[in-house]
Amino acid sequence: MSEEENIIKLIDEDGKEQDFEVIATFDVEDDEYAALLPLGEEEEEVYLLKIEYDENGDATLRNIEDEEEFSDVAAAYEAIVDEII
């Protein structure tokens, strides 16, 4: 995947557009997740979102609402980062 393909544009609840770099996609149990880094921001906070697919196979990113699920996803992401460094 080229760097340009790694850039996506998301719209927040206020209608503001923000570009993100998809820095990783990974599975936890039977679900798929993405780690996103906002572009053009001083803080490098990584956002973890769930990837869901519709009947046509189109992907949608969703916030992870469940605290336990988020904790599991964050731990999996940290393990990936630890492997890289």
PDB file of N, CA and C in Angstrom:
ATOM      1  N   MET A   1       0.850  -1.166   0.000  1.00  0.00           N
ATOM      2  CA  MET A   1       0.000   0.000   0.000  1.00  0.00           C
ATOM      3  C   MET A   1       0.901   1.236   0.000  1.00  0.00           C
ATOM      4  N   SER A   2       0.682   2.136  -0.942  1.00  0.00           N
ATOM      5  CA  SER A   2       1.487   3.349  -0.990  1.00  0.00           C
ATOM      6  C   SER A   2       1.068   4.297   0.122  1.00  0.00           C
ATOM      7  N   GLU A   3       1.929   5.298   0.392  1.00  0.00           N
ATOM      8  CA  GLU A   3       1.616   6.243   1.465  1.00  0.00           C
ATOM      9  C   GLU A   3       0.312   6.975   1.180  1.00  0.00           C
ATOM     10  N   GLU A   4       0.057   7.313  -0.105  1.00  0.00           N
ATOM     11  CA  GLU A   4      -1.176   8.010  -0.458  1.00  0.00           C
ATOM     12  C   GLU A   4      -2.397   7.147  -0.165  1.00  0.00           C
ATOM     13  N   GLU A   5      -2.297   5.836  -0.385  1.00  0.00           N
ATOM     14  CA  GLU A   5      -3.407   4.932  -0.102  1.00  0.00           C
ATOM     15  C   GLU A   5      -3.642   4.789   1.393  1.00  0.00           C
ATOM     16  N   ASN A   6      -2.646   5.137   2.200  1.00  0.00           N
ATOM     17  CA  ASN A   6      -2.767   5.045   3.648  1.00  0.00           C
ATOM     18  C   ASN A   6      -3.475   6.244   4.251  1.00  0.00           C
ATOM     19  N   ILE A   7      -3.791   7.264   3.447  1.00  0.00           N
ATOM     20  CA  ILE A   7      -4.426   8.475   3.948  1.00  0.00           C
ATOM     21  C   ILE A   7      -5.930   8.393   3.694  1.00  0.00           C
ATOM     22  N   ILE A   8      -6.697   8.608   4.759  1.00  0.00           N
ATOM     23  CA  ILE A   8      -8.151   8.643   4.625  1.00  0.00           C
ATOM     24  C   ILE A   8      -8.667   9.939   5.235  1.00  0.00           C
ATOM     25  N   LYS A   9      -9.847  10.336   4.813  1.00  0.00           N
ATOM     26  CA  LYS A   9     -10.482  11.545   5.319  1.00  0.00           C
ATOM     27  C   LYS A   9     -11.727  11.118   6.097  1.00  0.00           C
ATOM     28  N   LEU A  10     -11.813  11.571   7.340  1.00  0.00           N
ATOM     29  CA  LEU A  10     -12.982  11.286   8.168  1.00  0.00           C
ATOM     30  C   LEU A  10     -13.670  12.594   8.526  1.00  0.00           C
ATOM     31  N   ILE A  11     -14.966  12.513   8.761  1.00  0.00           N
ATOM     32  CA  ILE A  11     -15.754  13.676   9.160  1.00  0.00           C
ATOM     33  C   ILE A  11     -16.269  13.429  10.566  1.00  0.00           C
ATOM     34  N   ASP A  12     -15.982  14.362  11.477  1.00  0.00           N
ATOM     35  CA  ASP A  12     -16.423  14.189  12.862  1.00  0.00           C
ATOM     36  C   ASP A  12     -17.884  14.607  13.028  1.00  0.00           C
ATOM     37  N   GLU A  13     -18.387  14.472  14.249  1.00  0.00           N
ATOM     38  CA  GLU A  13     -19.796  14.760  14.519  1.00  0.00           C
ATOM     39  C   GLU A  13     -20.159  16.229  14.308  1.00  0.00           C
ATOM     40  N   ASP A  14     -19.148  17.105  14.241  1.00  0.00           N
ATOM     41  CA  ASP A  14     -19.384  18.531  13.982  1.00  0.00           C
ATOM     42  C   ASP A  14     -19.271  18.870  12.497  1.00  0.00           C
ATOM     43  N   GLY A  15     -19.030  17.862  11.661  1.00  0.00           N
ATOM     44  CA  GLY A  15     -18.905  18.078  10.227  1.00  0.00           C
ATOM     45  C   GLY A  15     -17.522  18.514   9.778  1.00  0.00           C
ATOM     46  N   LYS A  16     -16.560  18.495  10.683  1.00  0.00           N
ATOM     47  CA  LYS A  16     -15.184  18.902  10.365  1.00  0.00           C
ATOM     48  C   LYS A  16     -14.426  17.722   9.755  1.00  0.00           C
ATOM     49  N   GLU A  17     -13.766  17.976   8.614  1.00  0.00           N
ATOM     50  CA  GLU A  17     -12.969  16.942   7.958  1.00  0.00           C
ATOM     51  C   GLU A  17     -11.569  16.901   8.547  1.00  0.00           C
ATOM     52  N   GLN A  18     -11.032  15.693   8.663  1.00  0.00           N
ATOM     53  CA  GLN A  18      -9.676  15.503   9.180  1.00  0.00           C
ATOM     54  C   GLN A  18      -9.034  14.364   8.405  1.00  0.00           C
ATOM     55  N   ASP A  19      -7.794  14.570   7.975  1.00  0.00           N
ATOM     56  CA  ASP A  19      -7.039  13.516   7.306  1.00  0.00           C
ATOM     57  C   ASP A  19      -6.317  12.677   8.350  1.00  0.00           C
ATOM     58  N   PHE A  20      -6.318  11.366   8.120  1.00  0.00           N
ATOM     59  CA  PHE A  20      -5.648  10.418   9.001  1.00  0.00           C
ATOM     60  C   PHE A  20      -4.785   9.488   8.170  1.00  0.00           C
ATOM     61  N   GLU A  21      -3.677   9.065   8.752  1.00  0.00           N
ATOM     62  CA  GLU A  21      -2.872   8.012   8.161  1.00  0.00           C
ATOM     63  C   GLU A  21      -3.241   6.706   8.849  1.00  0.00           C
ATOM     64  N   VAL A  22      -3.553   5.695   8.048  1.00  0.00           N
ATOM     65  CA  VAL A  22      -3.818   4.362   8.588  1.00  0.00           C
ATOM     66  C   VAL A  22      -2.455   3.732   8.839  1.00  0.00           C
ATOM     67  N   ILE A  23      -2.091   3.610  10.121  1.00  0.00           N
ATOM     68  CA  ILE A  23      -0.752   3.098  10.426  1.00  0.00           C
ATOM     69  C   ILE A  23      -0.744   1.591  10.649  1.00  0.00           C
ATOM     70  N   ALA A  24      -1.930   1.008  10.891  1.00  0.00           N
ATOM     71  CA  ALA A  24      -2.009  -0.448  11.053  1.00  0.00           C
ATOM     72  C   ALA A  24      -3.461  -0.890  10.976  1.00  0.00           C
ATOM     73  N   THR A  25      -3.662  -2.081  10.465  1.00  0.00           N
ATOM     74  CA  THR A  25      -4.937  -2.780  10.613  1.00  0.00           C
ATOM     75  C   THR A  25      -4.602  -4.133  11.216  1.00  0.00           C
ATOM     76  N   PHE A  26      -5.465  -4.615  12.085  1.00  0.00           N
ATOM     77  CA  PHE A  26      -5.182  -5.860  12.789  1.00  0.00           C
ATOM     78  C   PHE A  26      -6.484  -6.469  13.289  1.00  0.00           C
ATOM     79  N   ASP A  27      -6.426  -7.763  13.584  1.00  0.00           N
ATOM     80  CA  ASP A  27      -7.588  -8.502  14.076  1.00  0.00           C
ATOM     81  C   ASP A  27      -7.458  -8.763  15.565  1.00  0.00           C
ATOM     82  N   VAL A  28      -8.582  -8.692  16.240  1.00  0.00           N
ATOM     83  CA  VAL A  28      -8.695  -9.121  17.631  1.00  0.00           C
ATOM     84  C   VAL A  28      -9.921 -10.018  17.665  1.00  0.00           C
ATOM     85  N   GLU A  29      -9.688 -11.277  18.012  1.00  0.00           N
ATOM     86  CA  GLU A  29     -10.719 -12.302  17.932  1.00  0.00           C
ATOM     87  C   GLU A  29     -11.255 -12.317  16.504  1.00  0.00           C
ATOM     88  N   ASP A  30     -12.547 -12.120  16.290  1.00  0.00           N
ATOM     89  CA  ASP A  30     -13.103 -12.199  14.937  1.00  0.00           C
ATOM     90  C   ASP A  30     -13.375 -10.836  14.319  1.00  0.00           C
ATOM     91  N   ASP A  31     -12.884  -9.766  14.923  1.00  0.00           N
ATOM     92  CA  ASP A  31     -13.154  -8.419  14.430  1.00  0.00           C
ATOM     93  C   ASP A  31     -11.873  -7.763  13.929  1.00  0.00           C
ATOM     94  N   GLU A  32     -12.045  -6.784  13.026  1.00  0.00           N
ATOM     95  CA  GLU A  32     -10.910  -6.071  12.443  1.00  0.00           C
ATOM     96  C   GLU A  32     -10.909  -4.628  12.949  1.00  0.00           C
ATOM     97  N   TYR A  33      -9.717  -4.111  13.181  1.00  0.00           N
ATOM     98  CA  TYR A  33      -9.555  -2.765  13.735  1.00  0.00           C
ATOM     99  C   TYR A  33      -8.487  -2.015  12.955  1.00  0.00           C
ATOM    100  N   ALA A  34      -8.534  -0.674  13.065  1.00  0.00           N
ATOM    101  CA  ALA A  34      -7.544   0.179  12.418  1.00  0.00           C
ATOM    102  C   ALA A  34      -6.962   1.137  13.445  1.00  0.00           C
ATOM    103  N   ALA A  35      -5.674   1.384  13.319  1.00  0.00           N
ATOM    104  CA  ALA A  35      -4.993   2.402  14.120  1.00  0.00           C
ATOM    105  C   ALA A  35      -4.734   3.583  13.199  1.00  0.00           C
ATOM    106  N   LEU A  36      -5.240   4.750  13.589  1.00  0.00           N
ATOM    107  CA  LEU A  36      -5.156   5.946  12.758  1.00  0.00           C
ATOM    108  C   LEU A  36      -4.388   7.043  13.470  1.00  0.00           C
ATOM    109  N   LEU A  37      -3.597   7.771  12.701  1.00  0.00           N
ATOM    110  CA  LEU A  37      -2.834   8.895  13.230  1.00  0.00           C
ATOM    111  C   LEU A  37      -3.300  10.154  12.503  1.00  0.00           C
ATOM    112  N   PRO A  38      -3.808  11.156  13.241  1.00  0.00           N
ATOM    113  CA  PRO A  38      -4.266  12.381  12.574  1.00  0.00           C
ATOM    114  C   PRO A  38      -3.083  13.139  11.977  1.00  0.00           C
ATOM    115  N   LEU A  39      -3.270  13.628  10.767  1.00  0.00           N
ATOM    116  CA  LEU A  39      -2.213  14.382  10.097  1.00  0.00           C
ATOM    117  C   LEU A  39      -2.354  15.865  10.421  1.00  0.00           C
ATOM    118  N   GLY A  40      -1.230  16.537  10.528  1.00  0.00           N
ATOM    119  CA  GLY A  40      -1.238  17.971  10.747  1.00  0.00           C
ATOM    120  C   GLY A  40      -1.524  18.390  12.173  1.00  0.00           C
ATOM    121  N   GLU A  41      -1.431  17.469  13.119  1.00  0.00           N
ATOM    122  CA  GLU A  41      -1.658  17.808  14.519  1.00  0.00           C
ATOM    123  C   GLU A  41      -0.354  17.647  15.280  1.00  0.00           C
ATOM    124  N   GLU A  42      -0.158  18.496  16.277  1.00  0.00           N
ATOM    125  CA  GLU A  42       1.068  18.431  17.072  1.00  0.00           C
ATOM    126  C   GLU A  42       1.118  17.171  17.921  1.00  0.00           C
ATOM    127  N   GLU A  43       0.003  16.840  18.561  1.00  0.00           N
ATOM    128  CA  GLU A  43      -0.051  15.619  19.368  1.00  0.00           C
ATOM    129  C   GLU A  43      -0.176  14.423  18.441  1.00  0.00           C
ATOM    130  N   GLU A  44       0.561  13.387  18.746  1.00  0.00           N
ATOM    131  CA  GLU A  44       0.492  12.184  17.927  1.00  0.00           C
ATOM    132  C   GLU A  44      -0.311  11.111  18.643  1.00  0.00           C
ATOM    133  N   GLU A  45      -1.563  11.417  18.909  1.00  0.00           N
ATOM    134  CA  GLU A  45      -2.454  10.462  19.563  1.00  0.00           C
ATOM    135  C   GLU A  45      -3.014   9.500  18.519  1.00  0.00           C
ATOM    136  N   VAL A  46      -2.873   8.215  18.765  1.00  0.00           N
ATOM    137  CA  VAL A  46      -3.376   7.197  17.856  1.00  0.00           C
ATOM    138  C   VAL A  46      -4.833   6.909  18.202  1.00  0.00           C
ATOM    139  N   TYR A  47      -5.664   6.855  17.166  1.00  0.00           N
ATOM    140  CA  TYR A  47      -7.076   6.517  17.330  1.00  0.00           C
ATOM    141  C   TYR A  47      -7.270   5.064  16.918  1.00  0.00           C
ATOM    142  N   LEU A  48      -7.968   4.307  17.738  1.00  0.00           N
ATOM    143  CA  LEU A  48      -8.280   2.914  17.433  1.00  0.00           C
ATOM    144  C   LEU A  48      -9.764   2.824  17.109  1.00  0.00           C
ATOM    145  N   LEU A  49     -10.074   2.320  15.918  1.00  0.00           N
ATOM    146  CA  LEU A  49     -11.456   2.227  15.465  1.00  0.00           C
ATOM    147  C   LEU A  49     -11.745   0.823  14.949  1.00  0.00           C
ATOM    148  N   LYS A  50     -12.998   0.423  15.060  1.00  0.00           N
ATOM    149  CA  LYS A  50     -13.442  -0.880  14.572  1.00  0.00           C
ATOM    150  C   LYS A  50     -13.836  -0.755  13.105  1.00  0.00           C
ATOM    151  N   ILE A  51     -13.434  -1.728  12.302  1.00  0.00           N
ATOM    152  CA  ILE A  51     -13.801  -1.762  10.888  1.00  0.00           C
ATOM    153  C   ILE A  51     -14.984  -2.713  10.739  1.00  0.00           C
ATOM    154  N   GLU A  52     -16.083  -2.193  10.199  1.00  0.00           N
ATOM    155  CA  GLU A  52     -17.261  -3.015   9.924  1.00  0.00           C
ATOM    156  C   GLU A  52     -17.547  -2.952   8.433  1.00  0.00           C
ATOM    157  N   TYR A  53     -18.052  -4.041   7.888  1.00  0.00           N
ATOM    158  CA  TYR A  53     -18.327  -4.129   6.460  1.00  0.00           C
ATOM    159  C   TYR A  53     -19.820  -4.293   6.230  1.00  0.00           C
ATOM    160  N   ASP A  54     -20.338  -3.604   5.190  1.00  0.00           N
ATOM    161  CA  ASP A  54     -21.750  -3.762   4.845  1.00  0.00           C
ATOM    162  C   ASP A  54     -21.904  -4.922   3.871  1.00  0.00           C
ATOM    163  N   GLU A  55     -23.132  -5.139   3.404  1.00  0.00           N
ATOM    164  CA  GLU A  55     -23.412  -6.278   2.528  1.00  0.00           C
ATOM    165  C   GLU A  55     -22.682  -6.176   1.190  1.00  0.00           C
ATOM    166  N   ASN A  56     -22.245  -4.977   0.808  1.00  0.00           N
ATOM    167  CA  ASN A  56     -21.497  -4.793  -0.438  1.00  0.00           C
ATOM    168  C   ASN A  56     -19.988  -4.896  -0.235  1.00  0.00           C
ATOM    169  N   GLY A  57     -19.575  -5.113   1.007  1.00  0.00           N
ATOM    170  CA  GLY A  57     -18.158  -5.213   1.307  1.00  0.00           C
ATOM    171  C   GLY A  57     -17.479  -3.875   1.541  1.00  0.00           C
ATOM    172  N   ASP A  58     -18.275  -2.798   1.609  1.00  0.00           N
ATOM    173  CA  ASP A  58     -17.711  -1.475   1.875  1.00  0.00           C
ATOM    174  C   ASP A  58     -17.433  -1.325   3.365  1.00  0.00           C
ATOM    175  N   ALA A  59     -16.272  -0.767   3.676  1.00  0.00           N
ATOM    176  CA  ALA A  59     -15.848  -0.635   5.072  1.00  0.00           C
ATOM    177  C   ALA A  59     -16.346   0.667   5.685  1.00  0.00           C
ATOM    178  N   THR A  60     -16.690   0.582   6.971  1.00  0.00           N
ATOM    179  CA  THR A  60     -17.056   1.744   7.775  1.00  0.00           C
ATOM    180  C   THR A  60     -16.252   1.663   9.061  1.00  0.00           C
ATOM    181  N   LEU A  61     -15.742   2.802   9.511  1.00  0.00           N
ATOM    182  CA  LEU A  61     -15.009   2.851  10.774  1.00  0.00           C
ATOM    183  C   LEU A  61     -15.947   3.309  11.876  1.00  0.00           C
ATOM    184  N   ARG A  62     -15.916   2.612  12.997  1.00  0.00           N
ATOM    185  CA  ARG A  62     -16.796   2.917  14.130  1.00  0.00           C
ATOM    186  C   ARG A  62     -15.963   3.095  15.396  1.00  0.00           C
ATOM    187  N   ASN A  63     -16.432   3.987  16.260  1.00  0.00           N
ATOM    188  CA  ASN A  63     -15.823   4.106  17.584  1.00  0.00           C
ATOM    189  C   ASN A  63     -16.037   2.814  18.349  1.00  0.00           C
ATOM    190  N   ILE A  64     -15.116   2.497  19.225  1.00  0.00           N
ATOM    191  CA  ILE A  64     -15.246   1.321  20.084  1.00  0.00           C
ATOM    192  C   ILE A  64     -15.877   1.804  21.384  1.00  0.00           C
ATOM    193  N   GLU A  65     -17.143   1.469  21.586  1.00  0.00           N
ATOM    194  CA  GLU A  65     -17.903   1.971  22.730  1.00  0.00           C
ATOM    195  C   GLU A  65     -17.664   1.156  24.004  1.00  0.00           C
ATOM    196  N   ASP A  66     -17.477  -0.149  23.846  1.00  0.00           N
ATOM    197  CA  ASP A  66     -17.335  -1.039  24.995  1.00  0.00           C
ATOM    198  C   ASP A  66     -15.929  -0.919  25.588  1.00  0.00           C
ATOM    199  N   GLU A  67     -15.842  -0.630  26.877  1.00  0.00           N
ATOM    200  CA  GLU A  67     -14.543  -0.421  27.534  1.00  0.00           C
ATOM    201  C   GLU A  67     -13.667  -1.666  27.500  1.00  0.00           C
ATOM    202  N   GLU A  68     -14.264  -2.828  27.712  1.00  0.00           N
ATOM    203  CA  GLU A  68     -13.487  -4.070  27.702  1.00  0.00           C
ATOM    204  C   GLU A  68     -12.942  -4.353  26.301  1.00  0.00           C
ATOM    205  N   GLU A  69     -13.783  -4.156  25.293  1.00  0.00           N
ATOM    206  CA  GLU A  69     -13.340  -4.345  23.914  1.00  0.00           C
ATOM    207  C   GLU A  69     -12.203  -3.372  23.591  1.00  0.00           C
ATOM    208  N   PHE A  70     -12.357  -2.100  23.991  1.00  0.00           N
ATOM    209  CA  PHE A  70     -11.313  -1.112  23.726  1.00  0.00           C
ATOM    210  C   PHE A  70     -10.006  -1.507  24.414  1.00  0.00           C
ATOM    211  N   SER A  71     -10.106  -1.989  25.642  1.00  0.00           N
ATOM    212  CA  SER A  71      -8.920  -2.411  26.383  1.00  0.00           C
ATOM    213  C   SER A  71      -8.200  -3.547  25.655  1.00  0.00           C
ATOM    214  N   ASP A  72      -8.967  -4.518  25.149  1.00  0.00           N
ATOM    215  CA  ASP A  72      -8.385  -5.637  24.403  1.00  0.00           C
ATOM    216  C   ASP A  72      -7.708  -5.157  23.117  1.00  0.00           C
ATOM    217  N   VAL A  73      -8.368  -4.231  22.420  1.00  0.00           N
ATOM    218  CA  VAL A  73      -7.833  -3.701  21.162  1.00  0.00           C
ATOM    219  C   VAL A  73      -6.564  -2.889  21.431  1.00  0.00           C
ATOM    220  N   ALA A  74      -6.581  -2.067  22.473  1.00  0.00           N
ATOM    221  CA  ALA A  74      -5.407  -1.265  22.827  1.00  0.00           C
ATOM    222  C   ALA A  74      -4.228  -2.169  23.178  1.00  0.00           C
ATOM    223  N   ALA A  75      -4.486  -3.242  23.912  1.00  0.00           N
ATOM    224  CA  ALA A  75      -3.418  -4.180  24.271  1.00  0.00           C
ATOM    225  C   ALA A  75      -2.850  -4.851  23.022  1.00  0.00           C
ATOM    226  N   ALA A  76      -3.721  -5.221  22.085  1.00  0.00           N
ATOM    227  CA  ALA A  76      -3.256  -5.845  20.845  1.00  0.00           C
ATOM    228  C   ALA A  76      -2.417  -4.866  20.033  1.00  0.00           C
ATOM    229  N   TYR A  77      -2.840  -3.614  19.963  1.00  0.00           N
ATOM    230  CA  TYR A  77      -2.077  -2.600  19.235  1.00  0.00           C
ATOM    231  C   TYR A  77      -0.711  -2.381  19.893  1.00  0.00           C
ATOM    232  N   GLU A  78      -0.687  -2.288  21.212  1.00  0.00           N
ATOM    233  CA  GLU A  78       0.578  -2.100  21.928  1.00  0.00           C
ATOM    234  C   GLU A  78       1.526  -3.269  21.682  1.00  0.00           C
ATOM    235  N   ALA A  79       0.988  -4.485  21.597  1.00  0.00           N
ATOM    236  CA  ALA A  79       1.818  -5.656  21.311  1.00  0.00           C
ATOM    237  C   ALA A  79       2.426  -5.557  19.912  1.00  0.00           C
ATOM    238  N   ILE A  80       1.652  -5.049  18.955  1.00  0.00           N
ATOM    239  CA  ILE A  80       2.164  -4.859  17.593  1.00  0.00           C
ATOM    240  C   ILE A  80       3.294  -3.834  17.603  1.00  0.00           C
ATOM    241  N   VAL A  81       3.085  -2.731  18.295  1.00  0.00           N
ATOM    242  CA  VAL A  81       4.104  -1.679  18.374  1.00  0.00           C
ATOM    243  C   VAL A  81       5.361  -2.217  19.048  1.00  0.00           C
ATOM    244  N   ASP A  82       5.188  -2.992  20.117  1.00  0.00           N
ATOM    245  CA  ASP A  82       6.337  -3.562  20.827  1.00  0.00           C
ATOM    246  C   ASP A  82       7.143  -4.502  19.932  1.00  0.00           C
ATOM    247  N   GLU A  83       6.467  -5.227  19.031  1.00  0.00           N
ATOM    248  CA  GLU A  83       7.165  -6.123  18.106  1.00  0.00           C
ATOM    249  C   GLU A  83       8.021  -5.343  17.119  1.00  0.00           C
ATOM    250  N   ILE A  84       7.513  -4.174  16.721  1.00  0.00           N
ATOM    251  CA  ILE A  84       8.202  -3.371  15.714  1.00  0.00           C
ATOM    252  C   ILE A  84       9.446  -2.712  16.292  1.00  0.00           C
ATOM    253  N   ILE A  85       9.348  -2.254  17.552  1.00  0.00           N
ATOM    254  CA  ILE A  85      10.487  -1.558  18.150  1.00  0.00           C
ATOM    255  C   ILE A  85      11.343  -2.439  18.993  1.00  0.00           C
TER     256      ILE A  85
END
